[in-house]
N, C-alpha and C. Protein backbone atom coordinates (compact mmCIF):
# COMPACT_ATOMS: atom_id res chain seq x y z
N GLN A 1 14.87 8.84 -12.60
CA GLN A 1 13.34 8.12 -12.86
C GLN A 1 12.60 7.89 -11.87
N VAL A 2 12.04 8.30 -10.64
CA VAL A 2 11.59 7.21 -9.84
C VAL A 2 10.28 6.62 -10.61
N GLN A 3 10.55 4.99 -10.11
CA GLN A 3 9.31 4.59 -10.33
C GLN A 3 8.39 3.35 -9.59
N LEU A 4 7.20 3.35 -9.25
CA LEU A 4 6.68 2.68 -8.20
C LEU A 4 5.74 1.55 -9.02
N VAL A 5 6.02 0.11 -8.82
CA VAL A 5 5.51 -0.40 -9.83
C VAL A 5 4.28 -1.33 -8.53
N GLU A 6 3.25 -1.54 -8.96
CA GLU A 6 2.31 -2.69 -8.13
C GLU A 6 1.63 -3.68 -8.59
N SER A 7 1.41 -4.66 -7.68
CA SER A 7 0.68 -5.65 -8.35
C SER A 7 0.10 -6.78 -6.99
N GLY A 8 -0.53 -7.24 -7.43
CA GLY A 8 -1.38 -8.04 -6.49
C GLY A 8 -2.96 -8.29 -6.64
N GLY A 9 -3.41 -7.26 -6.84
CA GLY A 9 -4.63 -6.69 -7.20
C GLY A 9 -5.59 -8.14 -7.59
N ASP A 10 -6.86 -8.22 -6.81
CA ASP A 10 -7.58 -9.09 -7.53
C ASP A 10 -8.88 -8.73 -6.96
N LEU A 11 -9.53 -9.92 -7.62
CA LEU A 11 -11.07 -10.24 -7.04
C LEU A 11 -11.57 -11.35 -6.33
N VAL A 12 -11.76 -11.25 -5.12
CA VAL A 12 -12.06 -11.74 -3.97
C VAL A 12 -13.02 -12.07 -3.29
N GLN A 13 -13.24 -13.39 -2.60
CA GLN A 13 -14.70 -13.01 -1.65
C GLN A 13 -14.13 -12.63 -0.59
N ALA A 14 -15.65 -11.90 0.01
CA ALA A 14 -15.39 -11.71 1.51
C ALA A 14 -14.70 -12.43 2.56
N GLY A 15 -13.89 -12.22 3.39
CA GLY A 15 -13.22 -12.93 4.14
C GLY A 15 -12.02 -13.65 3.70
N GLY A 16 -11.74 -13.66 2.77
CA GLY A 16 -10.76 -13.91 1.60
C GLY A 16 -9.39 -12.74 2.12
N SER A 17 -7.66 -13.20 1.58
CA SER A 17 -6.63 -13.03 1.46
C SER A 17 -6.29 -12.39 0.39
N LEU A 18 -5.33 -11.40 0.56
CA LEU A 18 -4.66 -11.05 -0.87
C LEU A 18 -2.87 -10.16 -0.03
N ARG A 19 -2.25 -10.32 -1.01
CA ARG A 19 -0.88 -9.56 -0.59
C ARG A 19 -0.53 -8.78 -2.26
N LEU A 20 -0.16 -7.41 -2.16
CA LEU A 20 0.13 -6.22 -2.37
C LEU A 20 1.54 -6.20 -2.20
N SER A 21 1.96 -5.95 -3.59
CA SER A 21 3.68 -5.79 -3.36
C SER A 21 3.53 -4.39 -4.43
N CYS A 22 4.63 -3.67 -4.02
CA CYS A 22 5.15 -2.65 -4.62
C CYS A 22 6.80 -2.27 -4.62
N THR A 23 7.52 -2.38 -5.58
CA THR A 23 8.44 -2.45 -6.14
C THR A 23 8.98 -1.12 -6.36
N ALA A 24 10.12 -0.23 -5.68
CA ALA A 24 10.77 1.20 -5.78
C ALA A 24 11.73 1.12 -6.46
N SER A 25 11.90 2.20 -7.62
CA SER A 25 13.57 1.92 -8.51
C SER A 25 13.41 3.43 -8.77
N GLY A 26 14.92 4.03 -8.99
CA GLY A 26 15.30 5.14 -9.34
C GLY A 26 15.17 6.15 -7.90
N ILE A 27 15.11 5.68 -7.17
CA ILE A 27 15.22 6.44 -5.42
C ILE A 27 15.78 5.35 -4.18
N ALA A 28 16.69 6.10 -3.19
CA ALA A 28 17.23 5.09 -2.90
C ALA A 28 16.36 4.97 -1.34
N PHE A 29 16.10 3.45 -0.97
CA PHE A 29 15.31 3.10 -0.59
C PHE A 29 14.92 3.53 1.00
N SER A 30 16.34 4.17 1.42
CA SER A 30 16.48 4.51 2.68
C SER A 30 16.20 5.78 2.90
N ILE A 31 15.67 6.68 1.99
CA ILE A 31 15.31 7.95 2.38
C ILE A 31 13.83 8.47 1.96
N ILE A 32 13.24 7.02 1.71
CA ILE A 32 11.83 7.22 1.70
C ILE A 32 10.61 6.27 2.79
N ASP A 33 9.79 7.13 2.93
CA ASP A 33 8.38 6.23 3.92
C ASP A 33 8.16 5.38 2.92
N MET A 34 7.39 4.61 3.14
CA MET A 34 6.68 3.54 1.99
C MET A 34 5.11 3.69 2.97
N GLY A 35 3.77 3.24 1.99
CA GLY A 35 2.61 3.84 2.27
C GLY A 35 1.65 2.93 1.60
N TRP A 36 0.56 2.53 1.72
CA TRP A 36 -0.20 2.09 0.94
C TRP A 36 -1.54 2.63 1.16
N TYR A 37 -2.49 3.47 0.19
CA TYR A 37 -3.40 4.28 0.10
C TYR A 37 -4.57 3.44 -0.81
N ARG A 38 -5.49 4.13 -0.99
CA ARG A 38 -6.43 3.17 -1.39
C ARG A 38 -7.94 4.54 -1.64
N GLN A 39 -8.39 4.04 -2.75
CA GLN A 39 -9.49 5.12 -3.48
C GLN A 39 -10.60 4.20 -3.84
N ALA A 40 -12.20 4.47 -3.51
CA ALA A 40 -13.12 3.81 -3.69
C ALA A 40 -13.62 4.42 -4.35
N PRO A 41 -14.80 3.86 -5.26
CA PRO A 41 -15.35 5.06 -6.23
C PRO A 41 -16.72 6.08 -5.51
N GLY A 42 -15.87 7.23 -6.16
CA GLY A 42 -16.50 8.22 -5.43
C GLY A 42 -16.49 8.68 -3.94
N LYS A 43 -15.24 8.61 -3.55
CA LYS A 43 -14.49 8.35 -2.40
C LYS A 43 -13.06 9.25 -2.55
N GLN A 44 -12.33 9.73 -1.59
CA GLN A 44 -11.59 10.22 -1.46
C GLN A 44 -10.23 9.01 -1.45
N ARG A 45 -8.85 9.44 -1.72
CA ARG A 45 -8.00 8.97 -1.41
C ARG A 45 -7.66 8.66 0.17
N GLU A 46 -7.24 7.49 0.79
CA GLU A 46 -7.12 7.21 2.29
C GLU A 46 -6.20 6.77 2.52
N LEU A 47 -5.34 6.98 3.69
CA LEU A 47 -4.42 6.11 4.12
C LEU A 47 -4.62 4.89 4.80
N VAL A 48 -4.04 3.60 3.93
CA VAL A 48 -4.23 2.35 4.70
C VAL A 48 -3.49 1.90 5.60
N ALA A 49 -2.32 2.10 5.30
CA ALA A 49 -1.12 2.13 6.59
C ALA A 49 0.33 2.56 5.10
N ARG A 50 1.69 2.97 6.50
CA ARG A 50 2.35 3.20 6.14
C ARG A 50 3.52 2.73 7.14
N MET A 51 5.09 3.02 6.48
CA MET A 51 5.85 2.41 7.24
C MET A 51 6.92 3.19 6.97
N SER A 52 7.71 3.73 8.21
CA SER A 52 8.78 4.68 7.81
C SER A 52 10.32 3.78 7.53
N ARG A 53 11.32 4.73 7.46
CA ARG A 53 12.82 4.17 7.04
C ARG A 53 12.81 3.29 8.38
N GLY A 54 12.73 3.53 9.54
CA GLY A 54 12.72 3.27 10.58
C GLY A 54 11.77 2.24 10.95
N GLY A 55 11.10 1.56 10.23
CA GLY A 55 10.46 0.75 10.55
C GLY A 55 9.61 0.68 11.38
N SER A 56 8.73 2.16 11.94
CA SER A 56 7.62 2.09 12.48
C SER A 56 6.37 1.97 11.58
N SER A 57 5.08 2.17 11.89
CA SER A 57 4.09 1.48 10.95
C SER A 57 3.14 1.80 11.81
N ASN A 58 1.58 2.74 10.90
CA ASN A 58 0.73 2.93 11.16
C ASN A 58 -0.38 2.42 10.35
N TYR A 59 -1.73 2.62 11.12
CA TYR A 59 -2.94 1.96 9.90
C TYR A 59 -4.25 2.74 10.41
N ALA A 60 -5.19 2.61 9.18
CA ALA A 60 -5.95 3.02 9.57
C ALA A 60 -7.01 2.40 10.56
N GLU A 61 -7.69 3.03 11.39
CA GLU A 61 -8.32 2.29 12.53
C GLU A 61 -9.44 1.10 11.69
N SER A 62 -9.91 1.21 10.35
CA SER A 62 -10.68 0.39 10.07
C SER A 62 -9.88 -1.34 9.42
N VAL A 63 -8.89 -1.24 9.21
CA VAL A 63 -7.64 -2.18 8.92
C VAL A 63 -6.74 -2.94 10.02
N LYS A 64 -6.83 -2.03 11.19
CA LYS A 64 -6.46 -2.49 12.17
C LYS A 64 -6.18 -4.16 12.63
N GLY A 65 -5.67 -5.37 12.64
CA GLY A 65 -5.77 -6.36 12.89
C GLY A 65 -5.92 -7.17 11.89
N ARG A 66 -6.54 -6.65 10.80
CA ARG A 66 -6.54 -7.20 9.26
C ARG A 66 -5.44 -7.41 8.52
N PHE A 67 -4.82 -6.09 8.47
CA PHE A 67 -3.81 -5.93 7.51
C PHE A 67 -2.30 -5.72 8.39
N THR A 68 -1.26 -5.72 7.13
CA THR A 68 0.20 -5.76 7.82
C THR A 68 0.90 -5.50 6.79
N ILE A 69 1.58 -4.24 7.01
CA ILE A 69 2.30 -3.56 6.14
C ILE A 69 4.06 -3.90 5.97
N SER A 70 4.54 -4.46 5.60
CA SER A 70 6.11 -4.78 5.59
C SER A 70 6.95 -4.29 4.69
N ARG A 71 8.24 -4.22 4.60
CA ARG A 71 9.06 -3.68 3.54
C ARG A 71 10.29 -4.53 3.81
N ASP A 72 10.94 -4.92 2.50
CA ASP A 72 11.97 -5.12 2.44
C ASP A 72 13.19 -4.31 1.58
N ASN A 73 14.06 -3.82 2.63
CA ASN A 73 15.11 -2.67 1.94
C ASN A 73 15.51 -3.28 1.08
N ALA A 74 16.10 -4.38 1.31
CA ALA A 74 17.30 -5.29 -0.12
C ALA A 74 16.83 -5.63 -1.34
N ARG A 75 15.38 -5.02 -1.10
CA ARG A 75 14.37 -5.39 -2.76
C ARG A 75 13.83 -4.28 -2.89
N ASN A 76 14.08 -3.38 -2.01
CA ASN A 76 13.26 -1.92 -2.46
C ASN A 76 11.69 -2.24 -2.75
N GLY A 77 11.13 -3.49 -1.48
CA GLY A 77 9.64 -3.37 -1.83
C GLY A 77 9.28 -3.17 -0.59
N VAL A 78 7.59 -3.06 -0.73
CA VAL A 78 6.89 -2.84 0.55
C VAL A 78 5.57 -3.60 -0.18
N TYR A 79 4.99 -3.94 1.34
CA TYR A 79 4.00 -5.17 1.16
C TYR A 79 2.89 -4.87 1.56
N LEU A 80 1.78 -5.14 1.38
CA LEU A 80 0.65 -5.06 2.55
C LEU A 80 -0.21 -6.82 2.48
N GLN A 81 -0.16 -7.20 3.52
CA GLN A 81 -0.97 -8.51 3.72
C GLN A 81 -2.19 -8.28 4.29
N MET A 82 -3.07 -8.60 3.11
CA MET A 82 -4.68 -8.59 3.74
C MET A 82 -5.31 -9.37 3.90
N ASN A 83 -6.09 -9.61 5.09
CA ASN A 83 -6.73 -10.62 5.81
C ASN A 83 -8.16 -10.24 5.93
N ASN A 84 -8.96 -11.12 5.88
CA ASN A 84 -10.47 -11.05 6.37
C ASN A 84 -11.25 -9.59 5.74
N LEU A 85 -10.93 -9.94 4.17
CA LEU A 85 -11.29 -8.84 3.83
C LEU A 85 -12.88 -8.75 3.61
N LYS A 86 -13.18 -7.61 3.79
CA LYS A 86 -14.67 -6.89 3.66
C LYS A 86 -15.08 -5.86 2.31
N PRO A 87 -16.34 -6.26 1.74
CA PRO A 87 -16.26 -5.66 0.66
C PRO A 87 -16.38 -3.81 0.44
N GLU A 88 -16.06 -3.35 1.81
CA GLU A 88 -15.71 -2.07 1.73
C GLU A 88 -14.18 -1.77 1.79
N ASP A 89 -13.28 -2.93 1.83
CA ASP A 89 -12.22 -2.82 1.49
C ASP A 89 -11.75 -2.56 0.08
N THR A 90 -13.19 -2.68 -0.67
CA THR A 90 -12.88 -2.34 -2.25
C THR A 90 -12.46 -1.24 -2.66
N GLY A 91 -11.18 -1.30 -3.95
CA GLY A 91 -10.98 0.12 -4.56
C GLY A 91 -9.92 0.00 -4.82
N VAL A 92 -9.01 1.07 -5.60
CA VAL A 92 -7.68 1.14 -6.25
C VAL A 92 -7.02 1.67 -5.41
N TYR A 93 -5.71 0.78 -4.87
CA TYR A 93 -4.60 0.55 -3.77
C TYR A 93 -3.20 0.84 -4.81
N TYR A 94 -2.80 2.48 -4.06
CA TYR A 94 -1.81 3.22 -4.76
C TYR A 94 -0.62 2.76 -3.40
N CYS A 95 0.94 2.05 -3.81
CA CYS A 95 1.85 3.06 -2.96
C CYS A 95 2.42 4.18 -3.18
N ASP A 96 2.80 4.52 -2.21
CA ASP A 96 3.52 6.13 -2.04
C ASP A 96 4.93 5.81 -1.28
N ALA A 97 5.73 6.49 -2.11
CA ALA A 97 6.97 6.77 -1.17
C ALA A 97 7.41 8.24 -1.24
N TYR A 98 7.51 8.23 0.29
CA TYR A 98 7.67 9.76 0.44
C TYR A 98 9.43 10.08 0.97
N ASN A 99 9.78 11.00 0.00
CA ASN A 99 11.06 11.32 0.52
C ASN A 99 11.19 12.35 1.30
N VAL A 100 11.96 12.01 2.50
CA VAL A 100 11.43 12.89 3.82
C VAL A 100 12.51 14.23 3.73
N PHE A 101 13.50 13.94 2.79
CA PHE A 101 14.55 15.27 2.55
C PHE A 101 14.00 16.32 1.92
N LYS A 102 13.03 15.88 0.67
CA LYS A 102 12.66 16.38 -0.02
C LYS A 102 10.99 17.11 0.48
N GLY A 103 10.15 15.77 0.81
CA GLY A 103 9.23 16.70 1.66
C GLY A 103 8.06 15.95 -0.05
N TYR A 104 8.80 15.27 -0.37
CA TYR A 104 7.89 15.19 -2.50
C TYR A 104 7.50 13.43 -1.84
N ALA A 105 6.06 13.30 -2.40
CA ALA A 105 5.62 11.80 -2.57
C ALA A 105 5.60 11.41 -4.00
N TYR A 106 5.91 10.36 -4.30
CA TYR A 106 5.74 9.81 -5.35
C TYR A 106 4.91 8.75 -5.11
N TRP A 107 3.92 8.46 -6.89
CA TRP A 107 2.59 7.44 -6.66
C TRP A 107 3.20 6.57 -7.80
N GLY A 108 2.17 5.23 -7.13
CA GLY A 108 1.98 4.15 -8.39
C GLY A 108 1.05 3.93 -9.03
N GLN A 109 0.91 3.36 -10.11
CA GLN A 109 -0.30 3.52 -10.60
C GLN A 109 -1.76 2.86 -10.14
N GLY A 110 -1.35 1.83 -9.06
CA GLY A 110 -2.56 1.95 -8.70
C GLY A 110 -2.77 0.42 -9.04
N THR A 111 -3.36 -0.72 -7.80
CA THR A 111 -3.78 -1.78 -8.58
C THR A 111 -5.41 -1.85 -7.76
N GLN A 112 -6.06 -2.49 -8.73
CA GLN A 112 -7.54 -2.91 -8.13
C GLN A 112 -7.66 -4.25 -7.21
N VAL A 113 -8.24 -3.82 -6.31
CA VAL A 113 -9.40 -4.68 -5.03
C VAL A 113 -10.39 -4.87 -4.80
N THR A 114 -11.00 -6.01 -5.67
CA THR A 114 -12.28 -5.87 -5.50
C THR A 114 -12.66 -7.13 -4.27
N VAL A 115 -13.92 -6.65 -3.56
CA VAL A 115 -13.83 -7.62 -2.49
C VAL A 115 -15.36 -7.87 -2.92
N ALA A 116 -15.54 -9.23 -3.46
CA ALA A 116 -17.29 -9.64 -3.33
C ALA A 116 -18.01 -10.02 -1.99
N SER A 117 -18.90 -9.83 -1.62
CA SER A 117 -20.10 -10.15 -0.72
C SER A 117 -20.49 -11.28 -0.46
């Protein structure tokens, strides 16, 4: 059974930093691309950042220069370092693992990030 567990969400002031973590189990880390998405109240879930198996990454324009995604293949973990947080970064952040061979995505339960102005 594939399981993704996120942690690190919190309430912070604008300009602050947070580091989100996600650990995957039940699936070989080498066959999955990993990503972070977020969903603000009343809005659709949107991509924040993704990192492929090979280490290439892409970011939403709104977070470029402020957020950094990384992965630790030895620990089956993916991380999102978020700096200079803004109130519009508020939302539930979800980790996803995309099985590139099956074309199927798994999701974590989400972690709440709230940025106060």
